[in-house]
Amino acid sequence: MKVYWSWGGTAGKPDGMDIADEFAKNGAPRFLVWMERHGIDFTAVLVLLGLILLGALVRPWGQVFPRWVPVLRGRRVPRWLPLLPGWTVGPPLGAYGVLGISAMVFGGGLANKHTAGLSGPVFVVGFINFSALSLSLAICSLSYQRRTRTPDEEKAARLT
């Protein structure tokens, strides 16, 4: 949705609203305003990074650096490298999504002063996406954590 808007789309957005101008008005860093003016939405970049992280958590290149990674190719990926962002980013995203959806459903929506004139469905889509990404990160992080256990951790897990 934000990529669609940054490329000139208008559905779900108030007439005449310019996201880059909203960013600037709200004190966003200049590089974020610049990115938005050039069709690059920072949230879309963050989602892309999240998708790459999900790939690293479920694909072999998340455990051994692939050929295309200079200097590190063929070496084991430190276990903490994909797990740290998986576990530190996932829960806050989920809390944001669930609390946002809860405010929409049980609180009667969001106050207009906090929505910049955007319609309710825009927020519902966003909150659902945050929740889905959070759930995906949790499931994939847990799977990666279990698949990359050390022999001592494996033994301890069997005993419990």
N, C-alpha and C. Protein backbone atom coordinates (compact mmCIF):
# COMPACT_ATOMS: atom_id res chain seq x y z
N MET A 1 0.82 -1.18 0.00
CA MET A 1 0.00 0.00 0.00
C MET A 1 0.87 1.25 0.00
N LYS A 2 1.87 1.29 0.85
CA LYS A 2 2.73 2.47 0.91
C LYS A 2 3.57 2.61 -0.35
N VAL A 3 3.99 1.49 -0.93
CA VAL A 3 4.71 1.56 -2.20
C VAL A 3 3.78 2.12 -3.27
N TYR A 4 2.56 1.62 -3.30
CA TYR A 4 1.55 2.11 -4.24
C TYR A 4 1.39 3.62 -4.08
N TRP A 5 1.31 4.11 -2.85
CA TRP A 5 1.18 5.54 -2.62
C TRP A 5 2.43 6.30 -3.06
N SER A 6 3.61 5.75 -2.73
CA SER A 6 4.83 6.47 -3.08
C SER A 6 5.03 6.54 -4.59
N TRP A 7 4.36 5.66 -5.33
CA TRP A 7 4.42 5.69 -6.79
C TRP A 7 3.26 6.46 -7.40
N GLY A 8 2.51 7.19 -6.54
CA GLY A 8 1.46 8.06 -7.05
C GLY A 8 0.04 7.58 -6.85
N GLY A 9 -0.16 6.39 -6.28
CA GLY A 9 -1.52 5.88 -6.05
C GLY A 9 -2.26 6.71 -5.02
N THR A 10 -3.57 6.72 -5.10
CA THR A 10 -4.35 7.56 -4.18
C THR A 10 -5.42 6.81 -3.39
N ALA A 11 -5.71 5.56 -3.69
CA ALA A 11 -6.77 4.84 -2.99
C ALA A 11 -6.47 4.74 -1.50
N GLY A 12 -7.45 5.09 -0.67
CA GLY A 12 -7.30 5.03 0.78
C GLY A 12 -6.62 6.23 1.39
N LYS A 13 -6.24 7.18 0.56
CA LYS A 13 -5.51 8.36 1.01
C LYS A 13 -6.39 9.60 0.75
N PRO A 14 -6.42 10.56 1.68
CA PRO A 14 -7.23 11.77 1.45
C PRO A 14 -6.75 12.53 0.21
N ASP A 15 -7.70 13.18 -0.48
CA ASP A 15 -7.35 13.97 -1.66
C ASP A 15 -6.29 15.01 -1.32
N GLY A 16 -5.27 15.08 -2.15
CA GLY A 16 -4.23 16.09 -2.00
C GLY A 16 -3.18 15.78 -0.95
N MET A 17 -3.31 14.65 -0.24
CA MET A 17 -2.32 14.32 0.79
C MET A 17 -1.03 13.86 0.13
N ASP A 18 0.08 14.40 0.59
CA ASP A 18 1.39 13.99 0.11
C ASP A 18 2.15 13.41 1.30
N ILE A 19 2.48 12.13 1.21
CA ILE A 19 3.14 11.44 2.34
C ILE A 19 4.45 12.13 2.71
N ALA A 20 5.24 12.52 1.71
CA ALA A 20 6.52 13.18 1.99
C ALA A 20 6.29 14.48 2.76
N ASP A 21 5.26 15.24 2.37
CA ASP A 21 4.95 16.48 3.10
C ASP A 21 4.51 16.17 4.53
N GLU A 22 3.73 15.10 4.71
CA GLU A 22 3.33 14.69 6.06
C GLU A 22 4.55 14.34 6.89
N PHE A 23 5.49 13.59 6.29
CA PHE A 23 6.73 13.24 7.00
C PHE A 23 7.46 14.51 7.44
N ALA A 24 7.63 15.44 6.50
CA ALA A 24 8.36 16.68 6.79
C ALA A 24 7.65 17.47 7.89
N LYS A 25 6.33 17.57 7.80
CA LYS A 25 5.54 18.32 8.78
C LYS A 25 5.67 17.71 10.18
N ASN A 26 5.80 16.39 10.23
CA ASN A 26 5.90 15.71 11.53
C ASN A 26 7.32 15.55 12.03
N GLY A 27 8.28 16.16 11.34
CA GLY A 27 9.67 16.17 11.81
C GLY A 27 10.48 14.93 11.48
N ALA A 28 10.08 14.20 10.45
CA ALA A 28 10.84 13.01 10.05
C ALA A 28 12.23 13.43 9.56
N PRO A 29 13.21 12.56 9.71
CA PRO A 29 14.54 12.87 9.18
C PRO A 29 14.50 13.16 7.68
N ARG A 30 15.38 14.05 7.25
CA ARG A 30 15.39 14.47 5.84
C ARG A 30 15.56 13.31 4.87
N PHE A 31 16.37 12.32 5.22
CA PHE A 31 16.57 11.22 4.27
C PHE A 31 15.29 10.41 4.07
N LEU A 32 14.43 10.31 5.10
CA LEU A 32 13.15 9.62 4.91
C LEU A 32 12.23 10.42 3.98
N VAL A 33 12.23 11.74 4.15
CA VAL A 33 11.43 12.60 3.26
C VAL A 33 11.96 12.48 1.83
N TRP A 34 13.29 12.50 1.68
CA TRP A 34 13.90 12.36 0.36
C TRP A 34 13.51 11.03 -0.28
N MET A 35 13.61 9.94 0.50
CA MET A 35 13.24 8.62 -0.02
C MET A 35 11.80 8.62 -0.51
N GLU A 36 10.91 9.16 0.30
CA GLU A 36 9.48 9.18 -0.06
C GLU A 36 9.25 9.98 -1.34
N ARG A 37 9.93 11.10 -1.48
CA ARG A 37 9.78 11.93 -2.68
C ARG A 37 10.30 11.20 -3.94
N HIS A 38 11.18 10.23 -3.73
CA HIS A 38 11.75 9.49 -4.86
C HIS A 38 11.14 8.09 -5.01
N GLY A 39 9.96 7.89 -4.43
CA GLY A 39 9.23 6.64 -4.62
C GLY A 39 9.72 5.46 -3.81
N ILE A 40 10.48 5.73 -2.73
CA ILE A 40 10.99 4.66 -1.88
C ILE A 40 10.42 4.86 -0.48
N ASP A 41 9.46 4.03 -0.11
CA ASP A 41 8.88 4.16 1.22
C ASP A 41 9.72 3.36 2.21
N PHE A 42 10.09 4.01 3.33
CA PHE A 42 10.98 3.34 4.29
C PHE A 42 10.33 2.11 4.91
N THR A 43 9.00 2.11 5.09
CA THR A 43 8.37 0.92 5.66
C THR A 43 8.44 -0.25 4.68
N ALA A 44 8.39 0.05 3.38
CA ALA A 44 8.54 -1.02 2.39
C ALA A 44 9.96 -1.59 2.44
N VAL A 45 10.95 -0.74 2.66
CA VAL A 45 12.33 -1.21 2.79
C VAL A 45 12.45 -2.10 4.02
N LEU A 46 11.81 -1.70 5.13
CA LEU A 46 11.86 -2.50 6.34
C LEU A 46 11.17 -3.85 6.16
N VAL A 47 10.05 -3.85 5.43
CA VAL A 47 9.36 -5.12 5.14
C VAL A 47 10.27 -6.02 4.30
N LEU A 48 10.95 -5.44 3.32
CA LEU A 48 11.88 -6.22 2.50
C LEU A 48 12.97 -6.83 3.37
N LEU A 49 13.50 -6.06 4.31
CA LEU A 49 14.51 -6.61 5.22
C LEU A 49 13.91 -7.73 6.08
N GLY A 50 12.66 -7.56 6.50
CA GLY A 50 11.98 -8.60 7.27
C GLY A 50 11.80 -9.87 6.46
N LEU A 51 11.49 -9.74 5.17
CA LEU A 51 11.35 -10.91 4.31
C LEU A 51 12.69 -11.61 4.10
N ILE A 52 13.75 -10.84 3.99
CA ILE A 52 15.09 -11.44 3.88
C ILE A 52 15.42 -12.19 5.17
N LEU A 53 15.08 -11.60 6.31
CA LEU A 53 15.30 -12.27 7.60
C LEU A 53 14.50 -13.57 7.66
N LEU A 54 13.24 -13.54 7.24
CA LEU A 54 12.44 -14.77 7.22
C LEU A 54 13.10 -15.82 6.34
N GLY A 55 13.63 -15.40 5.19
CA GLY A 55 14.34 -16.33 4.31
C GLY A 55 15.54 -16.94 5.01
N ALA A 56 16.29 -16.10 5.71
CA ALA A 56 17.48 -16.59 6.42
C ALA A 56 17.11 -17.58 7.52
N LEU A 57 15.95 -17.41 8.11
CA LEU A 57 15.53 -18.30 9.19
C LEU A 57 15.05 -19.65 8.68
N VAL A 58 14.67 -19.74 7.41
CA VAL A 58 14.12 -21.01 6.91
C VAL A 58 14.94 -21.64 5.79
N ARG A 59 15.87 -20.92 5.20
CA ARG A 59 16.65 -21.45 4.08
C ARG A 59 18.07 -21.80 4.53
N PRO A 60 18.74 -22.67 3.80
CA PRO A 60 20.10 -23.07 4.18
C PRO A 60 21.08 -21.89 4.27
N TRP A 61 20.89 -20.85 3.44
CA TRP A 61 21.83 -19.72 3.49
C TRP A 61 21.72 -18.94 4.79
N GLY A 62 20.76 -19.27 5.64
CA GLY A 62 20.68 -18.66 6.96
C GLY A 62 21.57 -19.36 7.97
N GLN A 63 22.12 -20.51 7.57
CA GLN A 63 23.03 -21.24 8.46
C GLN A 63 24.46 -21.25 7.95
N VAL A 64 24.62 -21.15 6.63
CA VAL A 64 25.95 -21.09 6.03
C VAL A 64 25.91 -19.97 4.99
N PHE A 65 26.85 -19.03 5.09
CA PHE A 65 26.86 -17.91 4.15
C PHE A 65 27.00 -18.44 2.72
N PRO A 66 26.16 -17.96 1.80
CA PRO A 66 26.21 -18.43 0.41
C PRO A 66 27.41 -17.89 -0.36
N ARG A 67 27.61 -18.41 -1.57
CA ARG A 67 28.75 -18.04 -2.41
C ARG A 67 28.83 -16.55 -2.69
N TRP A 68 27.70 -15.89 -2.80
CA TRP A 68 27.69 -14.49 -3.20
C TRP A 68 28.02 -13.51 -2.07
N VAL A 69 28.32 -14.02 -0.87
CA VAL A 69 28.71 -13.14 0.24
C VAL A 69 30.23 -13.11 0.31
N PRO A 70 30.84 -11.98 -0.07
CA PRO A 70 32.29 -11.90 -0.07
C PRO A 70 32.87 -12.14 1.32
N VAL A 71 34.03 -12.71 1.37
CA VAL A 71 34.83 -12.98 2.57
C VAL A 71 34.21 -14.07 3.45
N LEU A 72 32.90 -14.08 3.64
CA LEU A 72 32.26 -15.01 4.57
C LEU A 72 31.73 -16.28 3.90
N ARG A 73 31.73 -16.35 2.57
CA ARG A 73 31.12 -17.48 1.87
C ARG A 73 31.62 -18.82 2.41
N GLY A 74 30.66 -19.71 2.64
CA GLY A 74 30.98 -21.05 3.12
C GLY A 74 31.13 -21.17 4.63
N ARG A 75 31.22 -20.06 5.33
CA ARG A 75 31.36 -20.10 6.79
C ARG A 75 29.98 -20.19 7.44
N ARG A 76 29.96 -20.75 8.64
CA ARG A 76 28.69 -20.85 9.37
C ARG A 76 28.23 -19.45 9.80
N VAL A 77 26.95 -19.23 9.70
CA VAL A 77 26.36 -17.99 10.20
C VAL A 77 26.27 -18.12 11.72
N PRO A 78 26.76 -17.14 12.47
CA PRO A 78 26.62 -17.22 13.92
C PRO A 78 25.13 -17.35 14.28
N ARG A 79 24.83 -18.27 15.14
CA ARG A 79 23.44 -18.59 15.47
C ARG A 79 22.65 -17.36 15.90
N TRP A 80 23.27 -16.47 16.61
CA TRP A 80 22.59 -15.30 17.14
C TRP A 80 22.23 -14.29 16.05
N LEU A 81 22.95 -14.33 14.91
CA LEU A 81 22.77 -13.29 13.89
C LEU A 81 21.34 -13.22 13.35
N PRO A 82 20.69 -14.30 12.95
CA PRO A 82 19.29 -14.18 12.56
C PRO A 82 18.31 -14.24 13.74
N LEU A 83 18.73 -14.87 14.84
CA LEU A 83 17.82 -14.99 15.98
C LEU A 83 17.62 -13.67 16.72
N LEU A 84 18.66 -12.88 16.83
CA LEU A 84 18.54 -11.61 17.56
C LEU A 84 17.47 -10.70 16.94
N PRO A 85 17.53 -10.40 15.64
CA PRO A 85 16.46 -9.57 15.09
C PRO A 85 15.11 -10.29 15.06
N GLY A 86 15.13 -11.61 14.87
CA GLY A 86 13.88 -12.35 14.85
C GLY A 86 13.11 -12.23 16.15
N TRP A 87 13.84 -12.36 17.26
CA TRP A 87 13.17 -12.31 18.57
C TRP A 87 13.01 -10.88 19.09
N THR A 88 13.83 -9.94 18.67
CA THR A 88 13.70 -8.57 19.19
C THR A 88 12.73 -7.72 18.37
N VAL A 89 12.57 -8.02 17.10
CA VAL A 89 11.66 -7.24 16.24
C VAL A 89 10.26 -7.84 16.25
N GLY A 90 10.17 -9.15 16.25
CA GLY A 90 8.87 -9.83 16.15
C GLY A 90 7.87 -9.46 17.24
N PRO A 91 8.21 -9.61 18.51
CA PRO A 91 7.22 -9.31 19.56
C PRO A 91 6.69 -7.87 19.55
N PRO A 92 7.55 -6.84 19.41
CA PRO A 92 6.98 -5.49 19.35
C PRO A 92 6.06 -5.27 18.15
N LEU A 93 6.41 -5.85 17.00
CA LEU A 93 5.53 -5.74 15.84
C LEU A 93 4.18 -6.38 16.13
N GLY A 94 4.21 -7.53 16.76
CA GLY A 94 2.96 -8.21 17.10
C GLY A 94 2.13 -7.41 18.08
N ALA A 95 2.79 -6.85 19.10
CA ALA A 95 2.06 -6.04 20.08
C ALA A 95 1.43 -4.82 19.39
N TYR A 96 2.17 -4.18 18.51
CA TYR A 96 1.65 -3.02 17.79
C TYR A 96 0.44 -3.41 16.94
N GLY A 97 0.56 -4.52 16.23
CA GLY A 97 -0.53 -4.98 15.39
C GLY A 97 -1.77 -5.36 16.18
N VAL A 98 -1.58 -6.14 17.24
CA VAL A 98 -2.71 -6.60 18.05
C VAL A 98 -3.36 -5.42 18.78
N LEU A 99 -2.56 -4.54 19.36
CA LEU A 99 -3.12 -3.38 20.06
C LEU A 99 -3.85 -2.46 19.07
N GLY A 100 -3.29 -2.31 17.88
CA GLY A 100 -3.93 -1.47 16.87
C GLY A 100 -5.26 -2.04 16.43
N ILE A 101 -5.29 -3.34 16.17
CA ILE A 101 -6.54 -3.98 15.77
C ILE A 101 -7.55 -3.90 16.92
N SER A 102 -7.08 -4.10 18.14
CA SER A 102 -7.96 -4.02 19.30
C SER A 102 -8.56 -2.62 19.43
N ALA A 103 -7.76 -1.59 19.22
CA ALA A 103 -8.27 -0.22 19.28
C ALA A 103 -9.32 0.01 18.21
N MET A 104 -9.10 -0.57 17.04
CA MET A 104 -10.07 -0.40 15.95
C MET A 104 -11.37 -1.15 16.26
N VAL A 105 -11.27 -2.35 16.78
CA VAL A 105 -12.46 -3.18 17.00
C VAL A 105 -13.18 -2.79 18.29
N PHE A 106 -12.44 -2.72 19.40
CA PHE A 106 -13.08 -2.52 20.70
C PHE A 106 -13.15 -1.05 21.11
N GLY A 107 -12.28 -0.24 20.54
CA GLY A 107 -12.26 1.18 20.91
C GLY A 107 -13.04 2.06 19.97
N GLY A 108 -13.68 1.48 18.98
CA GLY A 108 -14.48 2.28 18.06
C GLY A 108 -13.65 3.03 17.04
N GLY A 109 -12.42 2.59 16.78
CA GLY A 109 -11.58 3.24 15.78
C GLY A 109 -10.51 4.08 16.43
N LEU A 110 -9.79 4.81 15.60
CA LEU A 110 -8.73 5.68 16.09
C LEU A 110 -9.21 7.12 16.04
N ALA A 111 -8.72 7.93 16.94
CA ALA A 111 -9.09 9.34 16.94
C ALA A 111 -8.56 10.00 15.66
N ASN A 112 -9.36 10.84 15.05
CA ASN A 112 -8.97 11.48 13.79
C ASN A 112 -7.66 12.25 13.88
N LYS A 113 -7.37 12.80 15.06
CA LYS A 113 -6.12 13.57 15.18
C LYS A 113 -4.88 12.68 15.03
N HIS A 114 -5.05 11.36 15.13
CA HIS A 114 -3.92 10.44 15.00
C HIS A 114 -3.87 9.72 13.65
N THR A 115 -4.81 9.99 12.77
CA THR A 115 -4.87 9.23 11.52
C THR A 115 -4.45 10.02 10.29
N ALA A 116 -4.19 11.31 10.42
CA ALA A 116 -3.81 12.17 9.29
C ALA A 116 -4.84 12.09 8.17
N GLY A 117 -6.08 11.79 8.52
CA GLY A 117 -7.14 11.75 7.54
C GLY A 117 -7.26 10.44 6.77
N LEU A 118 -6.44 9.47 7.10
CA LEU A 118 -6.50 8.18 6.42
C LEU A 118 -7.72 7.40 6.88
N SER A 119 -8.26 6.58 6.00
CA SER A 119 -9.45 5.81 6.35
C SER A 119 -9.10 4.65 7.26
N GLY A 120 -10.09 4.18 8.01
CA GLY A 120 -9.92 3.06 8.94
C GLY A 120 -9.37 1.81 8.29
N PRO A 121 -9.88 1.41 7.11
CA PRO A 121 -9.36 0.20 6.47
C PRO A 121 -7.85 0.24 6.20
N VAL A 122 -7.29 1.42 5.98
CA VAL A 122 -5.85 1.53 5.77
C VAL A 122 -5.12 1.03 7.02
N PHE A 123 -5.62 1.40 8.18
CA PHE A 123 -4.99 0.98 9.43
C PHE A 123 -5.22 -0.50 9.70
N VAL A 124 -6.41 -0.99 9.39
CA VAL A 124 -6.69 -2.41 9.58
C VAL A 124 -5.72 -3.26 8.76
N VAL A 125 -5.54 -2.89 7.49
CA VAL A 125 -4.60 -3.62 6.63
C VAL A 125 -3.19 -3.58 7.23
N GLY A 126 -2.77 -2.41 7.67
CA GLY A 126 -1.44 -2.27 8.27
C GLY A 126 -1.29 -3.10 9.53
N PHE A 127 -2.27 -3.02 10.42
CA PHE A 127 -2.19 -3.76 11.69
C PHE A 127 -2.19 -5.27 11.45
N ILE A 128 -2.99 -5.72 10.50
CA ILE A 128 -3.02 -7.15 10.18
C ILE A 128 -1.66 -7.58 9.62
N ASN A 129 -1.08 -6.76 8.77
CA ASN A 129 0.24 -7.09 8.22
C ASN A 129 1.32 -7.14 9.29
N PHE A 130 1.30 -6.19 10.22
CA PHE A 130 2.28 -6.22 11.31
C PHE A 130 2.11 -7.49 12.14
N SER A 131 0.88 -7.86 12.43
CA SER A 131 0.62 -9.07 13.22
C SER A 131 1.09 -10.32 12.48
N ALA A 132 0.82 -10.39 11.18
CA ALA A 132 1.22 -11.55 10.39
C ALA A 132 2.75 -11.66 10.31
N LEU A 133 3.43 -10.54 10.11
CA LEU A 133 4.89 -10.57 10.06
C LEU A 133 5.46 -11.00 11.41
N SER A 134 4.87 -10.52 12.49
CA SER A 134 5.32 -10.90 13.83
C SER A 134 5.15 -12.39 14.07
N LEU A 135 3.99 -12.92 13.72
CA LEU A 135 3.74 -14.35 13.89
C LEU A 135 4.71 -15.18 13.05
N SER A 136 4.96 -14.74 11.83
CA SER A 136 5.91 -15.44 10.96
C SER A 136 7.31 -15.43 11.55
N LEU A 137 7.73 -14.27 12.07
CA LEU A 137 9.06 -14.18 12.68
C LEU A 137 9.16 -15.10 13.90
N ALA A 138 8.11 -15.16 14.70
CA ALA A 138 8.14 -16.01 15.90
C ALA A 138 8.25 -17.48 15.50
N ILE A 139 7.43 -17.92 14.56
CA ILE A 139 7.45 -19.32 14.14
C ILE A 139 8.79 -19.68 13.51
N CYS A 140 9.27 -18.83 12.62
CA CYS A 140 10.54 -19.13 11.93
C CYS A 140 11.73 -19.04 12.88
N SER A 141 11.71 -18.10 13.83
CA SER A 141 12.80 -18.00 14.80
C SER A 141 12.84 -19.22 15.70
N LEU A 142 11.67 -19.67 16.14
CA LEU A 142 11.62 -20.88 16.98
C LEU A 142 12.13 -22.09 16.20
N SER A 143 11.73 -22.22 14.95
CA SER A 143 12.19 -23.33 14.12
C SER A 143 13.71 -23.28 13.94
N TYR A 144 14.24 -22.11 13.63
CA TYR A 144 15.69 -21.95 13.45
C TYR A 144 16.42 -22.28 14.75
N GLN A 145 15.88 -21.79 15.85
CA GLN A 145 16.50 -22.02 17.16
C GLN A 145 16.58 -23.51 17.45
N ARG A 146 15.52 -24.24 17.14
CA ARG A 146 15.51 -25.69 17.39
C ARG A 146 16.42 -26.43 16.43
N ARG A 147 16.44 -26.02 15.16
CA ARG A 147 17.26 -26.71 14.16
C ARG A 147 18.75 -26.48 14.35
N THR A 148 19.12 -25.41 15.03
CA THR A 148 20.55 -25.08 15.16
C THR A 148 21.06 -25.30 16.58
N ARG A 149 20.35 -26.10 17.36
CA ARG A 149 20.79 -26.38 18.73
C ARG A 149 22.14 -27.09 18.74
N THR A 150 22.89 -26.81 19.79
CA THR A 150 24.14 -27.54 20.01
C THR A 150 23.78 -28.91 20.58
N PRO A 151 24.70 -29.89 20.52
CA PRO A 151 24.40 -31.21 21.09
C PRO A 151 24.00 -31.14 22.56
N ASP A 152 24.61 -30.26 23.34
CA ASP A 152 24.25 -30.13 24.76
C ASP A 152 22.83 -29.60 24.91
N GLU A 153 22.45 -28.64 24.08
CA GLU A 153 21.09 -28.10 24.14
C GLU A 153 20.08 -29.16 23.71
N GLU A 154 20.46 -29.97 22.72
CA GLU A 154 19.58 -31.05 22.23
C GLU A 154 19.35 -32.07 23.33
N LYS A 155 20.42 -32.42 24.04
CA LYS A 155 20.32 -33.38 25.13
C LYS A 155 19.42 -32.84 26.23
N ALA A 156 19.64 -31.59 26.61
CA ALA A 156 18.83 -30.96 27.66
C ALA A 156 17.35 -30.89 27.24
N ALA A 157 17.09 -30.64 25.98
CA ALA A 157 15.70 -30.57 25.50
C ALA A 157 15.02 -31.93 25.58
N ARG A 158 15.76 -32.98 25.31
CA ARG A 158 15.19 -34.33 25.40
C ARG A 158 14.86 -34.71 26.83
N LEU A 159 15.65 -34.21 27.78
CA LEU A 159 15.46 -34.56 29.19
C LEU A 159 14.25 -33.87 29.79
N THR A 160 13.84 -32.76 29.22
CA THR A 160 12.72 -32.02 29.80
C THR A 160 11.39 -32.43 29.24
